[in-house]
């Protein structure tokens, strides 16, 4: 299982709605919207700021 970095959901790699590679890591997403959000500003989701959930700042 992989964790969607945007919403924190557990995602199955085989059935993930999307995936992105960033700095040598592969991230999987539960929905295309999560992938789009990650692709737009990956740093925001990987900053170790662990407020999971669909929060819009």
PDB file of N, CA and C in Angstrom:
ATOM      1  N   UNK A   1       0.843  -1.198   0.000  1.00  0.00           N
ATOM      2  CA  UNK A   1       0.000   0.000   0.000  1.00  0.00           C
ATOM      3  C   UNK A   1       0.882   1.254   0.000  1.00  0.00           C
ATOM      4  N   UNK A   2       0.350   2.280  -0.600  1.00  0.00           N
ATOM      5  CA  UNK A   2       1.060   3.554  -0.627  1.00  0.00           C
ATOM      6  C   UNK A   2       0.131   4.585  -0.009  1.00  0.00           C
ATOM      7  N   UNK A   3       0.722   5.682   0.438  1.00  0.00           N
ATOM      8  CA  UNK A   3      -0.113   6.727   1.039  1.00  0.00           C
ATOM      9  C   UNK A   3      -0.208   7.909   0.089  1.00  0.00           C
ATOM     10  N   UNK A   4      -1.423   8.317  -0.185  1.00  0.00           N
ATOM     11  CA  UNK A   4      -1.639   9.491  -1.023  1.00  0.00           C
ATOM     12  C   UNK A   4      -1.091  10.689  -0.234  1.00  0.00           C
ATOM     13  N   UNK A   5      -0.061  11.376  -0.757  1.00  0.00           N
ATOM     14  CA  UNK A   5       0.541  12.475   0.007  1.00  0.00           C
ATOM     15  C   UNK A   5      -0.380  13.684   0.148  1.00  0.00           C
ATOM     16  N   UNK A   6      -1.395  13.765  -0.691  1.00  0.00           N
ATOM     17  CA  UNK A   6      -2.285  14.923  -0.652  1.00  0.00           C
ATOM     18  C   UNK A   6      -3.356  14.768   0.420  1.00  0.00           C
ATOM     19  N   UNK A   7      -4.054  13.626   0.400  1.00  0.00           N
ATOM     20  CA  UNK A   7      -5.169  13.475   1.353  1.00  0.00           C
ATOM     21  C   UNK A   7      -4.881  12.477   2.465  1.00  0.00           C
ATOM     22  N   UNK A   8      -3.751  11.746   2.350  1.00  0.00           N
ATOM     23  CA  UNK A   8      -3.391  10.822   3.417  1.00  0.00           C
ATOM     24  C   UNK A   8      -4.064   9.462   3.340  1.00  0.00           C
ATOM     25  N   UNK A   9      -4.844   9.223   2.300  1.00  0.00           N
ATOM     26  CA  UNK A   9      -5.511   7.932   2.155  1.00  0.00           C
ATOM     27  C   UNK A   9      -4.529   6.838   1.768  1.00  0.00           C
ATOM     28  N   UNK A  10      -4.838   5.610   2.180  1.00  0.00           N
ATOM     29  CA  UNK A  10      -4.029   4.477   1.747  1.00  0.00           C
ATOM     30  C   UNK A  10      -4.501   4.119   0.344  1.00  0.00           C
ATOM     31  N   UNK A  11      -3.565   3.979  -0.569  1.00  0.00           N
ATOM     32  CA  UNK A  11      -3.914   3.684  -1.955  1.00  0.00           C
ATOM     33  C   UNK A  11      -3.191   2.431  -2.399  1.00  0.00           C
ATOM     34  N   UNK A  12      -3.895   1.588  -3.125  1.00  0.00           N
ATOM     35  CA  UNK A  12      -3.293   0.385  -3.669  1.00  0.00           C
ATOM     36  C   UNK A  12      -2.550   0.779  -4.957  1.00  0.00           C
ATOM     37  N   UNK A  13      -1.261   0.462  -5.040  1.00  0.00           N
ATOM     38  CA  UNK A  13      -0.474   0.882  -6.199  1.00  0.00           C
ATOM     39  C   UNK A  13      -1.116   0.469  -7.521  1.00  0.00           C
ATOM     40  N   UNK A  14      -1.634  -0.769  -7.582  1.00  0.00           N
ATOM     41  CA  UNK A  14      -2.179  -1.286  -8.838  1.00  0.00           C
ATOM     42  C   UNK A  14      -3.440  -0.554  -9.275  1.00  0.00           C
ATOM     43  N   UNK A  15      -4.192  -0.037  -8.312  1.00  0.00           N
ATOM     44  CA  UNK A  15      -5.469   0.585  -8.660  1.00  0.00           C
ATOM     45  C   UNK A  15      -5.470   2.089  -8.452  1.00  0.00           C
ATOM     46  N   UNK A  16      -4.307   2.653  -8.194  1.00  0.00           N
ATOM     47  CA  UNK A  16      -4.233   4.096  -7.954  1.00  0.00           C
ATOM     48  C   UNK A  16      -4.745   4.869  -9.163  1.00  0.00           C
ATOM     49  N   UNK A  17      -5.425   5.983  -8.899  1.00  0.00           N
ATOM     50  CA  UNK A  17      -5.979   6.801  -9.978  1.00  0.00           C
ATOM     51  C   UNK A  17      -4.875   7.549 -10.715  1.00  0.00           C
ATOM     52  N   UNK A  18      -3.731   7.697 -10.046  1.00  0.00           N
ATOM     53  CA  UNK A  18      -2.631   8.393 -10.695  1.00  0.00           C
ATOM     54  C   UNK A  18      -1.362   8.197  -9.905  1.00  0.00           C
ATOM     55  N   UNK A  19      -0.234   8.479 -10.550  1.00  0.00           N
ATOM     56  CA  UNK A  19       1.021   8.433  -9.816  1.00  0.00           C
ATOM     57  C   UNK A  19       1.967   9.456 -10.394  1.00  0.00           C
ATOM     58  N   UNK A  20       2.837   9.965  -9.541  1.00  0.00           N
ATOM     59  CA  UNK A  20       3.814  10.962  -9.962  1.00  0.00           C
ATOM     60  C   UNK A  20       5.159  10.590  -9.377  1.00  0.00           C
ATOM     61  N   UNK A  21       6.200  10.937 -10.106  1.00  0.00           N
ATOM     62  CA  UNK A  21       7.534  10.741  -9.566  1.00  0.00           C
ATOM     63  C   UNK A  21       8.056  12.109  -9.198  1.00  0.00           C
ATOM     64  N   UNK A  22       8.673  12.174  -8.043  1.00  0.00           N
ATOM     65  CA  UNK A  22       9.233  13.441  -7.582  1.00  0.00           C
ATOM     66  C   UNK A  22      10.489  13.134  -6.798  1.00  0.00           C
ATOM     67  N   UNK A  23      11.600  13.720  -7.230  1.00  0.00           N
ATOM     68  CA  UNK A  23      12.887  13.504  -6.572  1.00  0.00           C
ATOM     69  C   UNK A  23      13.168  12.037  -6.317  1.00  0.00           C
ATOM     70  N   UNK A  24      12.919  11.204  -7.325  1.00  0.00           N
ATOM     71  CA  UNK A  24      13.262   9.791  -7.224  1.00  0.00           C
ATOM     72  C   UNK A  24      12.265   8.926  -6.475  1.00  0.00           C
ATOM     73  N   UNK A  25      11.228   9.537  -5.931  1.00  0.00           N
ATOM     74  CA  UNK A  25      10.199   8.776  -5.208  1.00  0.00           C
ATOM     75  C   UNK A  25       8.961   8.712  -6.077  1.00  0.00           C
ATOM     76  N   UNK A  26       8.220   7.617  -5.972  1.00  0.00           N
ATOM     77  CA  UNK A  26       6.965   7.532  -6.697  1.00  0.00           C
ATOM     78  C   UNK A  26       5.834   7.676  -5.700  1.00  0.00           C
ATOM     79  N   UNK A  27       4.896   8.535  -6.011  1.00  0.00           N
ATOM     80  CA  UNK A  27       3.747   8.776  -5.144  1.00  0.00           C
ATOM     81  C   UNK A  27       2.493   8.346  -5.872  1.00  0.00           C
ATOM     82  N   UNK A  28       1.557   7.760  -5.120  1.00  0.00           N
ATOM     83  CA  UNK A  28       0.319   7.271  -5.710  1.00  0.00           C
ATOM     84  C   UNK A  28      -0.852   8.063  -5.161  1.00  0.00           C
ATOM     85  N   UNK A  29      -1.886   8.210  -6.006  1.00  0.00           N
ATOM     86  CA  UNK A  29      -3.018   9.052  -5.635  1.00  0.00           C
ATOM     87  C   UNK A  29      -4.348   8.347  -5.764  1.00  0.00           C
ATOM     88  N   UNK A  30      -5.280   8.702  -4.866  1.00  0.00           N
ATOM     89  CA  UNK A  30      -6.588   8.062  -4.847  1.00  0.00           C
ATOM     90  C   UNK A  30      -7.488   8.637  -5.920  1.00  0.00           C
ATOM     91  N   UNK A  31      -7.173   9.837  -6.398  1.00  0.00           N
ATOM     92  CA  UNK A  31      -8.029  10.498  -7.380  1.00  0.00           C
ATOM     93  C   UNK A  31      -7.187  11.432  -8.246  1.00  0.00           C
ATOM     94  N   UNK A  32      -7.642  11.670  -9.477  1.00  0.00           N
ATOM     95  CA  UNK A  32      -6.884  12.561 -10.370  1.00  0.00           C
ATOM     96  C   UNK A  32      -6.680  13.948  -9.773  1.00  0.00           C
ATOM     97  N   UNK A  33      -7.641  14.399  -8.987  1.00  0.00           N
ATOM     98  CA  UNK A  33      -7.521  15.721  -8.376  1.00  0.00           C
ATOM     99  C   UNK A  33      -6.346  15.792  -7.416  1.00  0.00           C
ATOM    100  N   UNK A  34      -6.092  14.689  -6.705  1.00  0.00           N
ATOM    101  CA  UNK A  34      -4.969  14.658  -5.766  1.00  0.00           C
ATOM    102  C   UNK A  34      -3.654  14.727  -6.533  1.00  0.00           C
ATOM    103  N   UNK A  35      -3.568  13.993  -7.643  1.00  0.00           N
ATOM    104  CA  UNK A  35      -2.355  14.028  -8.444  1.00  0.00           C
ATOM    105  C   UNK A  35      -2.127  15.433  -8.990  1.00  0.00           C
ATOM    106  N   UNK A  36      -3.191  16.067  -9.465  1.00  0.00           N
ATOM    107  CA  UNK A  36      -3.065  17.416 -10.024  1.00  0.00           C
ATOM    108  C   UNK A  36      -2.573  18.389  -8.953  1.00  0.00           C
ATOM    109  N   UNK A  37      -3.126  18.266  -7.750  1.00  0.00           N
ATOM    110  CA  UNK A  37      -2.728  19.157  -6.664  1.00  0.00           C
ATOM    111  C   UNK A  37      -1.264  18.934  -6.311  1.00  0.00           C
ATOM    112  N   UNK A  38      -0.852  17.668  -6.274  1.00  0.00           N
ATOM    113  CA  UNK A  38       0.536  17.345  -5.949  1.00  0.00           C
ATOM    114  C   UNK A  38       1.476  17.865  -7.026  1.00  0.00           C
ATOM    115  N   UNK A  39       1.105  17.632  -8.297  1.00  0.00           N
ATOM    116  CA  UNK A  39       1.959  18.065  -9.401  1.00  0.00           C
ATOM    117  C   UNK A  39       2.139  19.581  -9.393  1.00  0.00           C
ATOM    118  N   UNK A  40       1.113  20.292  -8.955  1.00  0.00           N
ATOM    119  CA  UNK A  40       1.159  21.743  -8.938  1.00  0.00           C
ATOM    120  C   UNK A  40       2.099  22.265  -7.858  1.00  0.00           C
ATOM    121  N   UNK A  41       2.043  21.678  -6.655  1.00  0.00           N
ATOM    122  CA  UNK A  41       2.942  22.130  -5.591  1.00  0.00           C
ATOM    123  C   UNK A  41       3.348  21.003  -4.669  1.00  0.00           C
ATOM    124  N   UNK A  42       4.213  20.115  -5.169  1.00  0.00           N
ATOM    125  CA  UNK A  42       4.628  18.945  -4.372  1.00  0.00           C
ATOM    126  C   UNK A  42       5.237  19.312  -3.021  1.00  0.00           C
ATOM    127  N   UNK A  43       5.985  20.394  -2.973  1.00  0.00           N
ATOM    128  CA  UNK A  43       6.640  20.784  -1.719  1.00  0.00           C
ATOM    129  C   UNK A  43       5.634  20.974  -0.598  1.00  0.00           C
ATOM    130  N   UNK A  44       4.466  21.482  -0.955  1.00  0.00           N
ATOM    131  CA  UNK A  44       3.435  21.761   0.036  1.00  0.00           C
ATOM    132  C   UNK A  44       3.018  20.479   0.757  1.00  0.00           C
ATOM    133  N   UNK A  45       2.987  19.370  -0.010  1.00  0.00           N
ATOM    134  CA  UNK A  45       2.529  18.114   0.584  1.00  0.00           C
ATOM    135  C   UNK A  45       3.646  17.290   1.210  1.00  0.00           C
ATOM    136  N   UNK A  46       4.893  17.632   0.887  1.00  0.00           N
ATOM    137  CA  UNK A  46       6.005  16.832   1.403  1.00  0.00           C
ATOM    138  C   UNK A  46       6.809  17.568   2.457  1.00  0.00           C
ATOM    139  N   UNK A  47       6.311  18.701   2.902  1.00  0.00           N
ATOM    140  CA  UNK A  47       7.083  19.505   3.839  1.00  0.00           C
ATOM    141  C   UNK A  47       7.111  18.934   5.247  1.00  0.00           C
ATOM    142  N   UNK A  48       6.482  17.771   5.443  1.00  0.00           N
ATOM    143  CA  UNK A  48       6.485  17.172   6.767  1.00  0.00           C
ATOM    144  C   UNK A  48       5.406  17.812   7.625  1.00  0.00           C
ATOM    145  N   UNK A  49       4.598  18.638   6.987  1.00  0.00           N
ATOM    146  CA  UNK A  49       3.490  19.319   7.626  1.00  0.00           C
ATOM    147  C   UNK A  49       2.338  18.323   7.645  1.00  0.00           C
ATOM    148  N   UNK A  50       2.261  17.490   8.659  1.00  0.00           N
ATOM    149  CA  UNK A  50       1.330  16.380   8.571  1.00  0.00           C
ATOM    150  C   UNK A  50      -0.112  16.696   8.947  1.00  0.00           C
ATOM    151  N   UNK A  51      -0.735  17.539   8.152  1.00  0.00           N
ATOM    152  CA  UNK A  51      -2.161  17.791   8.369  1.00  0.00           C
ATOM    153  C   UNK A  51      -2.858  17.092   7.228  1.00  0.00           C
ATOM    154  N   UNK A  52      -3.116  15.795   7.358  1.00  0.00           N
ATOM    155  CA  UNK A  52      -3.717  15.087   6.255  1.00  0.00           C
ATOM    156  C   UNK A  52      -5.191  15.423   6.136  1.00  0.00           C
ATOM    157  N   UNK A  53      -5.716  15.226   4.946  1.00  0.00           N
ATOM    158  CA  UNK A  53      -7.098  15.554   4.675  1.00  0.00           C
ATOM    159  C   UNK A  53      -7.137  16.566   3.554  1.00  0.00           C
ATOM    160  N   UNK A  54      -8.287  16.726   2.964  1.00  0.00           N
ATOM    161  CA  UNK A  54      -8.413  17.672   1.857  1.00  0.00           C
ATOM    162  C   UNK A  54      -8.595  19.068   2.421  1.00  0.00           C
ATOM    163  N   UNK A  55      -7.492  19.677   2.848  1.00  0.00           N
ATOM    164  CA  UNK A  55      -7.565  21.019   3.406  1.00  0.00           C
ATOM    165  C   UNK A  55      -7.093  22.000   2.370  1.00  0.00           C
ATOM    166  N   UNK A  56      -7.773  23.103   2.272  1.00  0.00           N
ATOM    167  CA  UNK A  56      -7.345  24.138   1.334  1.00  0.00           C
ATOM    168  C   UNK A  56      -6.986  25.351   2.166  1.00  0.00           C
ATOM    169  N   UNK A  57      -5.711  25.724   2.087  1.00  0.00           N
ATOM    170  CA  UNK A  57      -5.245  26.846   2.893  1.00  0.00           C
ATOM    171  C   UNK A  57      -5.492  28.148   2.166  1.00  0.00           C
TER     172      UNK A  57
END
